[in-house]
Amino acid sequence: MTLEELLALPPTVNVTTAARALGISAHKAYALIKDGTFPVDVLTLGQTAKVPTASLWEVLGVSTQPQR
């Protein structure tokens, strides 16, 4: 996923999108979530898991601050 794609993400993304940004498979992402070692915050809403984009950016070292 390019920097431009990362910056265009909505406020939360699904696990598949987060996994793609992290360079891992969705299957691996769900396994990491299950054992509590996924490197990004996960919001669980019933059966749905969402990843806050800001947390994803933080783990990836993406800055939304303008460069000087």
PDB file of N, CA and C in Angstrom:
ATOM      1  N   MET A   1       0.852  -1.166   0.000  1.00  0.00           N
ATOM      2  CA  MET A   1       0.000   0.000   0.000  1.00  0.00           C
ATOM      3  C   MET A   1       0.907   1.241   0.000  1.00  0.00           C
ATOM      4  N   THR A   2       0.585   2.186  -0.855  1.00  0.00           N
ATOM      5  CA  THR A   2       1.402   3.387  -0.956  1.00  0.00           C
ATOM      6  C   THR A   2       1.045   4.382   0.153  1.00  0.00           C
ATOM      7  N   LEU A   3       1.909   5.360   0.360  1.00  0.00           N
ATOM      8  CA  LEU A   3       1.643   6.407   1.338  1.00  0.00           C
ATOM      9  C   LEU A   3       0.364   7.150   0.977  1.00  0.00           C
ATOM     10  N   GLU A   4       0.176   7.418  -0.284  1.00  0.00           N
ATOM     11  CA  GLU A   4      -1.038   8.101  -0.741  1.00  0.00           C
ATOM     12  C   GLU A   4      -2.288   7.288  -0.389  1.00  0.00           C
ATOM     13  N   GLU A   5      -2.233   5.974  -0.595  1.00  0.00           N
ATOM     14  CA  GLU A   5      -3.364   5.105  -0.255  1.00  0.00           C
ATOM     15  C   GLU A   5      -3.604   5.101   1.251  1.00  0.00           C
ATOM     16  N   LEU A   6      -2.524   5.038   2.034  1.00  0.00           N
ATOM     17  CA  LEU A   6      -2.663   5.056   3.493  1.00  0.00           C
ATOM     18  C   LEU A   6      -3.332   6.333   3.976  1.00  0.00           C
ATOM     19  N   LEU A   7      -2.916   7.463   3.427  1.00  0.00           N
ATOM     20  CA  LEU A   7      -3.463   8.746   3.858  1.00  0.00           C
ATOM     21  C   LEU A   7      -4.910   8.948   3.422  1.00  0.00           C
ATOM     22  N   ALA A   8      -5.350   8.197   2.425  1.00  0.00           N
ATOM     23  CA  ALA A   8      -6.721   8.309   1.924  1.00  0.00           C
ATOM     24  C   ALA A   8      -7.703   7.382   2.637  1.00  0.00           C
ATOM     25  N   LEU A   9      -7.217   6.585   3.583  1.00  0.00           N
ATOM     26  CA  LEU A   9      -8.098   5.642   4.278  1.00  0.00           C
ATOM     27  C   LEU A   9      -9.115   6.374   5.148  1.00  0.00           C
ATOM     28  N   PRO A  10     -10.306   5.787   5.320  1.00  0.00           N
ATOM     29  CA  PRO A  10     -11.308   6.374   6.208  1.00  0.00           C
ATOM     30  C   PRO A  10     -10.861   6.229   7.671  1.00  0.00           C
ATOM     31  N   PRO A  11     -11.604   6.805   8.615  1.00  0.00           N
ATOM     32  CA  PRO A  11     -11.198   6.765  10.033  1.00  0.00           C
ATOM     33  C   PRO A  11     -10.989   5.366  10.613  1.00  0.00           C
ATOM     34  N   THR A  12     -11.749   4.392  10.149  1.00  0.00           N
ATOM     35  CA  THR A  12     -11.526   2.999  10.547  1.00  0.00           C
ATOM     36  C   THR A  12     -11.537   2.135   9.298  1.00  0.00           C
ATOM     37  N   VAL A  13     -10.816   1.027   9.369  1.00  0.00           N
ATOM     38  CA  VAL A  13     -10.763   0.095   8.240  1.00  0.00           C
ATOM     39  C   VAL A  13     -11.020  -1.319   8.749  1.00  0.00           C
ATOM     40  N   ASN A  14     -11.350  -2.196   7.819  1.00  0.00           N
ATOM     41  CA  ASN A  14     -11.542  -3.589   8.217  1.00  0.00           C
ATOM     42  C   ASN A  14     -10.178  -4.267   8.385  1.00  0.00           C
ATOM     43  N   VAL A  15     -10.195  -5.441   8.935  1.00  0.00           N
ATOM     44  CA  VAL A  15      -8.961  -6.163   9.228  1.00  0.00           C
ATOM     45  C   VAL A  15      -8.211  -6.509   7.941  1.00  0.00           C
ATOM     46  N   THR A  16      -8.919  -6.820   6.891  1.00  0.00           N
ATOM     47  CA  THR A  16      -8.268  -7.155   5.622  1.00  0.00           C
ATOM     48  C   THR A  16      -7.456  -5.970   5.093  1.00  0.00           C
ATOM     49  N   THR A  17      -8.019  -4.777   5.176  1.00  0.00           N
ATOM     50  CA  THR A  17      -7.309  -3.582   4.719  1.00  0.00           C
ATOM     51  C   THR A  17      -6.110  -3.296   5.611  1.00  0.00           C
ATOM     52  N   ALA A  18      -6.286  -3.423   6.918  1.00  0.00           N
ATOM     53  CA  ALA A  18      -5.176  -3.210   7.849  1.00  0.00           C
ATOM     54  C   ALA A  18      -4.057  -4.215   7.585  1.00  0.00           C
ATOM     55  N   ALA A  19      -4.427  -5.459   7.344  1.00  0.00           N
ATOM     56  CA  ALA A  19      -3.427  -6.491   7.055  1.00  0.00           C
ATOM     57  C   ALA A  19      -2.656  -6.139   5.786  1.00  0.00           C
ATOM     58  N   ARG A  20      -3.365  -5.688   4.776  1.00  0.00           N
ATOM     59  CA  ARG A  20      -2.706  -5.294   3.522  1.00  0.00           C
ATOM     60  C   ARG A  20      -1.706  -4.173   3.775  1.00  0.00           C
ATOM     61  N   ALA A  21      -2.084  -3.196   4.585  1.00  0.00           N
ATOM     62  CA  ALA A  21      -1.186  -2.082   4.905  1.00  0.00           C
ATOM     63  C   ALA A  21       0.048  -2.572   5.662  1.00  0.00           C
ATOM     64  N   LEU A  22      -0.131  -3.583   6.501  1.00  0.00           N
ATOM     65  CA  LEU A  22       0.980  -4.131   7.283  1.00  0.00           C
ATOM     66  C   LEU A  22       1.813  -5.154   6.500  1.00  0.00           C
ATOM     67  N   GLY A  23       1.332  -5.541   5.337  1.00  0.00           N
ATOM     68  CA  GLY A  23       2.079  -6.500   4.523  1.00  0.00           C
ATOM     69  C   GLY A  23       1.937  -7.940   4.973  1.00  0.00           C
ATOM     70  N   ILE A  24       0.797  -8.242   5.608  1.00  0.00           N
ATOM     71  CA  ILE A  24       0.534  -9.613   6.032  1.00  0.00           C
ATOM     72  C   ILE A  24      -0.806 -10.057   5.473  1.00  0.00           C
ATOM     73  N   SER A  25      -1.077 -11.347   5.540  1.00  0.00           N
ATOM     74  CA  SER A  25      -2.359 -11.851   5.045  1.00  0.00           C
ATOM     75  C   SER A  25      -3.467 -11.570   6.057  1.00  0.00           C
ATOM     76  N   ALA A  26      -4.679 -11.538   5.578  1.00  0.00           N
ATOM     77  CA  ALA A  26      -5.828 -11.357   6.464  1.00  0.00           C
ATOM     78  C   ALA A  26      -5.910 -12.518   7.454  1.00  0.00           C
ATOM     79  N   HIS A  27      -5.601 -13.727   6.974  1.00  0.00           N
ATOM     80  CA  HIS A  27      -5.622 -14.903   7.853  1.00  0.00           C
ATOM     81  C   HIS A  27      -4.648 -14.719   9.027  1.00  0.00           C
ATOM     82  N   LYS A  28      -3.442 -14.247   8.725  1.00  0.00           N
ATOM     83  CA  LYS A  28      -2.442 -14.007   9.769  1.00  0.00           C
ATOM     84  C   LYS A  28      -2.913 -12.900  10.715  1.00  0.00           C
ATOM     85  N   ALA A  29      -3.518 -11.854  10.165  1.00  0.00           N
ATOM     86  CA  ALA A  29      -4.015 -10.750  10.998  1.00  0.00           C
ATOM     87  C   ALA A  29      -5.061 -11.254  11.985  1.00  0.00           C
ATOM     88  N   TYR A  30      -6.010 -12.042  11.509  1.00  0.00           N
ATOM     89  CA  TYR A  30      -7.039 -12.576  12.410  1.00  0.00           C
ATOM     90  C   TYR A  30      -6.429 -13.493  13.471  1.00  0.00           C
ATOM     91  N   ALA A  31      -5.427 -14.268  13.097  1.00  0.00           N
ATOM     92  CA  ALA A  31      -4.755 -15.133  14.077  1.00  0.00           C
ATOM     93  C   ALA A  31      -4.054 -14.290  15.149  1.00  0.00           C
ATOM     94  N   LEU A  32      -3.402 -13.199  14.739  1.00  0.00           N
ATOM     95  CA  LEU A  32      -2.736 -12.317  15.703  1.00  0.00           C
ATOM     96  C   LEU A  32      -3.752 -11.625  16.609  1.00  0.00           C
ATOM     97  N   ILE A  33      -4.882 -11.227  16.047  1.00  0.00           N
ATOM     98  CA  ILE A  33      -5.938 -10.612  16.860  1.00  0.00           C
ATOM     99  C   ILE A  33      -6.435 -11.614  17.894  1.00  0.00           C
ATOM    100  N   LYS A  34      -6.655 -12.836  17.459  1.00  0.00           N
ATOM    101  CA  LYS A  34      -7.168 -13.877  18.352  1.00  0.00           C
ATOM    102  C   LYS A  34      -6.240 -14.121  19.535  1.00  0.00           C
ATOM    103  N   ASP A  35      -4.913 -14.106  19.295  1.00  0.00           N
ATOM    104  CA  ASP A  35      -4.030 -14.364  20.432  1.00  0.00           C
ATOM    105  C   ASP A  35      -3.483 -13.079  21.066  1.00  0.00           C
ATOM    106  N   GLY A  36      -4.081 -11.932  20.681  1.00  0.00           N
ATOM    107  CA  GLY A  36      -3.761 -10.682  21.358  1.00  0.00           C
ATOM    108  C   GLY A  36      -2.434 -10.054  21.000  1.00  0.00           C
ATOM    109  N   THR A  37      -1.861 -10.424  19.857  1.00  0.00           N
ATOM    110  CA  THR A  37      -0.557  -9.883  19.478  1.00  0.00           C
ATOM    111  C   THR A  37      -0.587  -9.025  18.215  1.00  0.00           C
ATOM    112  N   PHE A  38      -1.780  -8.679  17.750  1.00  0.00           N
ATOM    113  CA  PHE A  38      -1.882  -7.797  16.581  1.00  0.00           C
ATOM    114  C   PHE A  38      -1.302  -6.451  16.979  1.00  0.00           C
ATOM    115  N   PRO A  39      -0.410  -5.869  16.165  1.00  0.00           N
ATOM    116  CA  PRO A  39       0.317  -4.665  16.583  1.00  0.00           C
ATOM    117  C   PRO A  39      -0.484  -3.371  16.572  1.00  0.00           C
ATOM    118  N   VAL A  40      -1.738  -3.430  16.181  1.00  0.00           N
ATOM    119  CA  VAL A  40      -2.576  -2.235  16.075  1.00  0.00           C
ATOM    120  C   VAL A  40      -3.826  -2.427  16.929  1.00  0.00           C
ATOM    121  N   ASP A  41      -4.343  -1.322  17.483  1.00  0.00           N
ATOM    122  CA  ASP A  41      -5.592  -1.388  18.235  1.00  0.00           C
ATOM    123  C   ASP A  41      -6.700  -1.956  17.356  1.00  0.00           C
ATOM    124  N   VAL A  42      -7.586  -2.738  17.973  1.00  0.00           N
ATOM    125  CA  VAL A  42      -8.719  -3.305  17.257  1.00  0.00           C
ATOM    126  C   VAL A  42      -9.976  -2.999  18.049  1.00  0.00           C
ATOM    127  N   LEU A  43     -10.981  -2.463  17.359  1.00  0.00           N
ATOM    128  CA  LEU A  43     -12.277  -2.206  17.972  1.00  0.00           C
ATOM    129  C   LEU A  43     -13.202  -3.345  17.578  1.00  0.00           C
ATOM    130  N   THR A  44     -13.718  -4.057  18.568  1.00  0.00           N
ATOM    131  CA  THR A  44     -14.622  -5.161  18.288  1.00  0.00           C
ATOM    132  C   THR A  44     -16.040  -4.700  18.556  1.00  0.00           C
ATOM    133  N   LEU A  45     -16.860  -4.763  17.527  1.00  0.00           N
ATOM    134  CA  LEU A  45     -18.254  -4.357  17.608  1.00  0.00           C
ATOM    135  C   LEU A  45     -19.110  -5.562  17.246  1.00  0.00           C
ATOM    136  N   GLY A  46     -19.488  -6.325  18.261  1.00  0.00           N
ATOM    137  CA  GLY A  46     -20.204  -7.568  17.997  1.00  0.00           C
ATOM    138  C   GLY A  46     -19.286  -8.536  17.282  1.00  0.00           C
ATOM    139  N   GLN A  47     -19.687  -8.946  16.093  1.00  0.00           N
ATOM    140  CA  GLN A  47     -18.881  -9.874  15.288  1.00  0.00           C
ATOM    141  C   GLN A  47     -17.908  -9.143  14.361  1.00  0.00           C
ATOM    142  N   THR A  48     -17.965  -7.817  14.363  1.00  0.00           N
ATOM    143  CA  THR A  48     -17.148  -7.021  13.449  1.00  0.00           C
ATOM    144  C   THR A  48     -15.932  -6.447  14.145  1.00  0.00           C
ATOM    145  N   ALA A  49     -14.804  -6.525  13.489  1.00  0.00           N
ATOM    146  CA  ALA A  49     -13.569  -5.931  14.011  1.00  0.00           C
ATOM    147  C   ALA A  49     -13.161  -4.789  13.091  1.00  0.00           C
ATOM    148  N   LYS A  50     -12.878  -3.649  13.675  1.00  0.00           N
ATOM    149  CA  LYS A  50     -12.420  -2.478  12.923  1.00  0.00           C
ATOM    150  C   LYS A  50     -11.097  -2.010  13.499  1.00  0.00           C
ATOM    151  N   VAL A  51     -10.270  -1.446  12.646  1.00  0.00           N
ATOM    152  CA  VAL A  51      -8.959  -0.945  13.053  1.00  0.00           C
ATOM    153  C   VAL A  51      -8.956   0.570  12.851  1.00  0.00           C
ATOM    154  N   PRO A  52      -8.689   1.335  13.919  1.00  0.00           N
ATOM    155  CA  PRO A  52      -8.601   2.783  13.752  1.00  0.00           C
ATOM    156  C   PRO A  52      -7.406   3.141  12.864  1.00  0.00           C
ATOM    157  N   THR A  53      -7.662   3.924  11.844  1.00  0.00           N
ATOM    158  CA  THR A  53      -6.617   4.281  10.897  1.00  0.00           C
ATOM    159  C   THR A  53      -5.469   5.018  11.583  1.00  0.00           C
ATOM    160  N   ALA A  54      -5.777   5.872  12.545  1.00  0.00           N
ATOM    161  CA  ALA A  54      -4.718   6.612  13.252  1.00  0.00           C
ATOM    162  C   ALA A  54      -3.756   5.651  13.943  1.00  0.00           C
ATOM    163  N   SER A  55      -4.265   4.570  14.520  1.00  0.00           N
ATOM    164  CA  SER A  55      -3.402   3.572  15.162  1.00  0.00           C
ATOM    165  C   SER A  55      -2.550   2.850  14.126  1.00  0.00           C
ATOM    166  N   LEU A  56      -3.140   2.571  12.983  1.00  0.00           N
ATOM    167  CA  LEU A  56      -2.406   1.930  11.897  1.00  0.00           C
ATOM    168  C   LEU A  56      -1.276   2.843  11.419  1.00  0.00           C
ATOM    169  N   TRP A  57      -1.590   4.128  11.223  1.00  0.00           N
ATOM    170  CA  TRP A  57      -0.557   5.086  10.811  1.00  0.00           C
ATOM    171  C   TRP A  57       0.576   5.136  11.828  1.00  0.00           C
ATOM    172  N   GLU A  58       0.212   5.120  13.116  1.00  0.00           N
ATOM    173  CA  GLU A  58       1.228   5.198  14.173  1.00  0.00           C
ATOM    174  C   GLU A  58       2.192   4.019  14.094  1.00  0.00           C
ATOM    175  N   VAL A  59       1.659   2.823  13.960  1.00  0.00           N
ATOM    176  CA  VAL A  59       2.498   1.620  13.883  1.00  0.00           C
ATOM    177  C   VAL A  59       3.388   1.657  12.643  1.00  0.00           C
ATOM    178  N   LEU A  60       2.861   2.202  11.562  1.00  0.00           N
ATOM    179  CA  LEU A  60       3.620   2.259  10.309  1.00  0.00           C
ATOM    180  C   LEU A  60       4.547   3.477  10.232  1.00  0.00           C
ATOM    181  N   GLY A  61       4.462   4.353  11.212  1.00  0.00           N
ATOM    182  CA  GLY A  61       5.319   5.538  11.215  1.00  0.00           C
ATOM    183  C   GLY A  61       4.910   6.588  10.208  1.00  0.00           C
ATOM    184  N   VAL A  62       3.620   6.608   9.880  1.00  0.00           N
ATOM    185  CA  VAL A  62       3.100   7.589   8.914  1.00  0.00           C
ATOM    186  C   VAL A  62       2.759   8.859   9.680  1.00  0.00           C
ATOM    187  N   SER A  63       3.315   9.971   9.216  1.00  0.00           N
ATOM    188  CA  SER A  63       3.032  11.258   9.844  1.00  0.00           C
ATOM    189  C   SER A  63       2.028  12.017   8.997  1.00  0.00           C
ATOM    190  N   THR A  64       1.026  12.560   9.653  1.00  0.00           N
ATOM    191  CA  THR A  64       0.035  13.373   8.942  1.00  0.00           C
ATOM    192  C   THR A  64       0.370  14.852   9.088  1.00  0.00           C
ATOM    193  N   GLN A  65       1.485  15.154   9.764  1.00  0.00           N
ATOM    194  CA  GLN A  65       1.921  16.534   9.917  1.00  0.00           C
ATOM    195  C   GLN A  65       2.631  16.988   8.645  1.00  0.00           C
ATOM    196  N   PRO A  66       2.381  18.227   8.216  1.00  0.00           N
ATOM    197  CA  PRO A  66       3.070  18.713   7.019  1.00  0.00           C
ATOM    198  C   PRO A  66       4.577  18.775   7.215  1.00  0.00           C
ATOM    199  N   GLN A  67       5.308  18.450   6.175  1.00  0.00           N
ATOM    200  CA  GLN A  67       6.775  18.503   6.225  1.00  0.00           C
ATOM    201  C   GLN A  67       7.235  19.945   6.087  1.00  0.00           C
ATOM    202  N   ARG A  68       8.255  20.310   6.842  1.00  0.00           N
ATOM    203  CA  ARG A  68       8.804  21.671   6.755  1.00  0.00           C
ATOM    204  C   ARG A  68      10.039  21.685   5.919  1.00  0.00           C
TER     205      ARG A  68
END
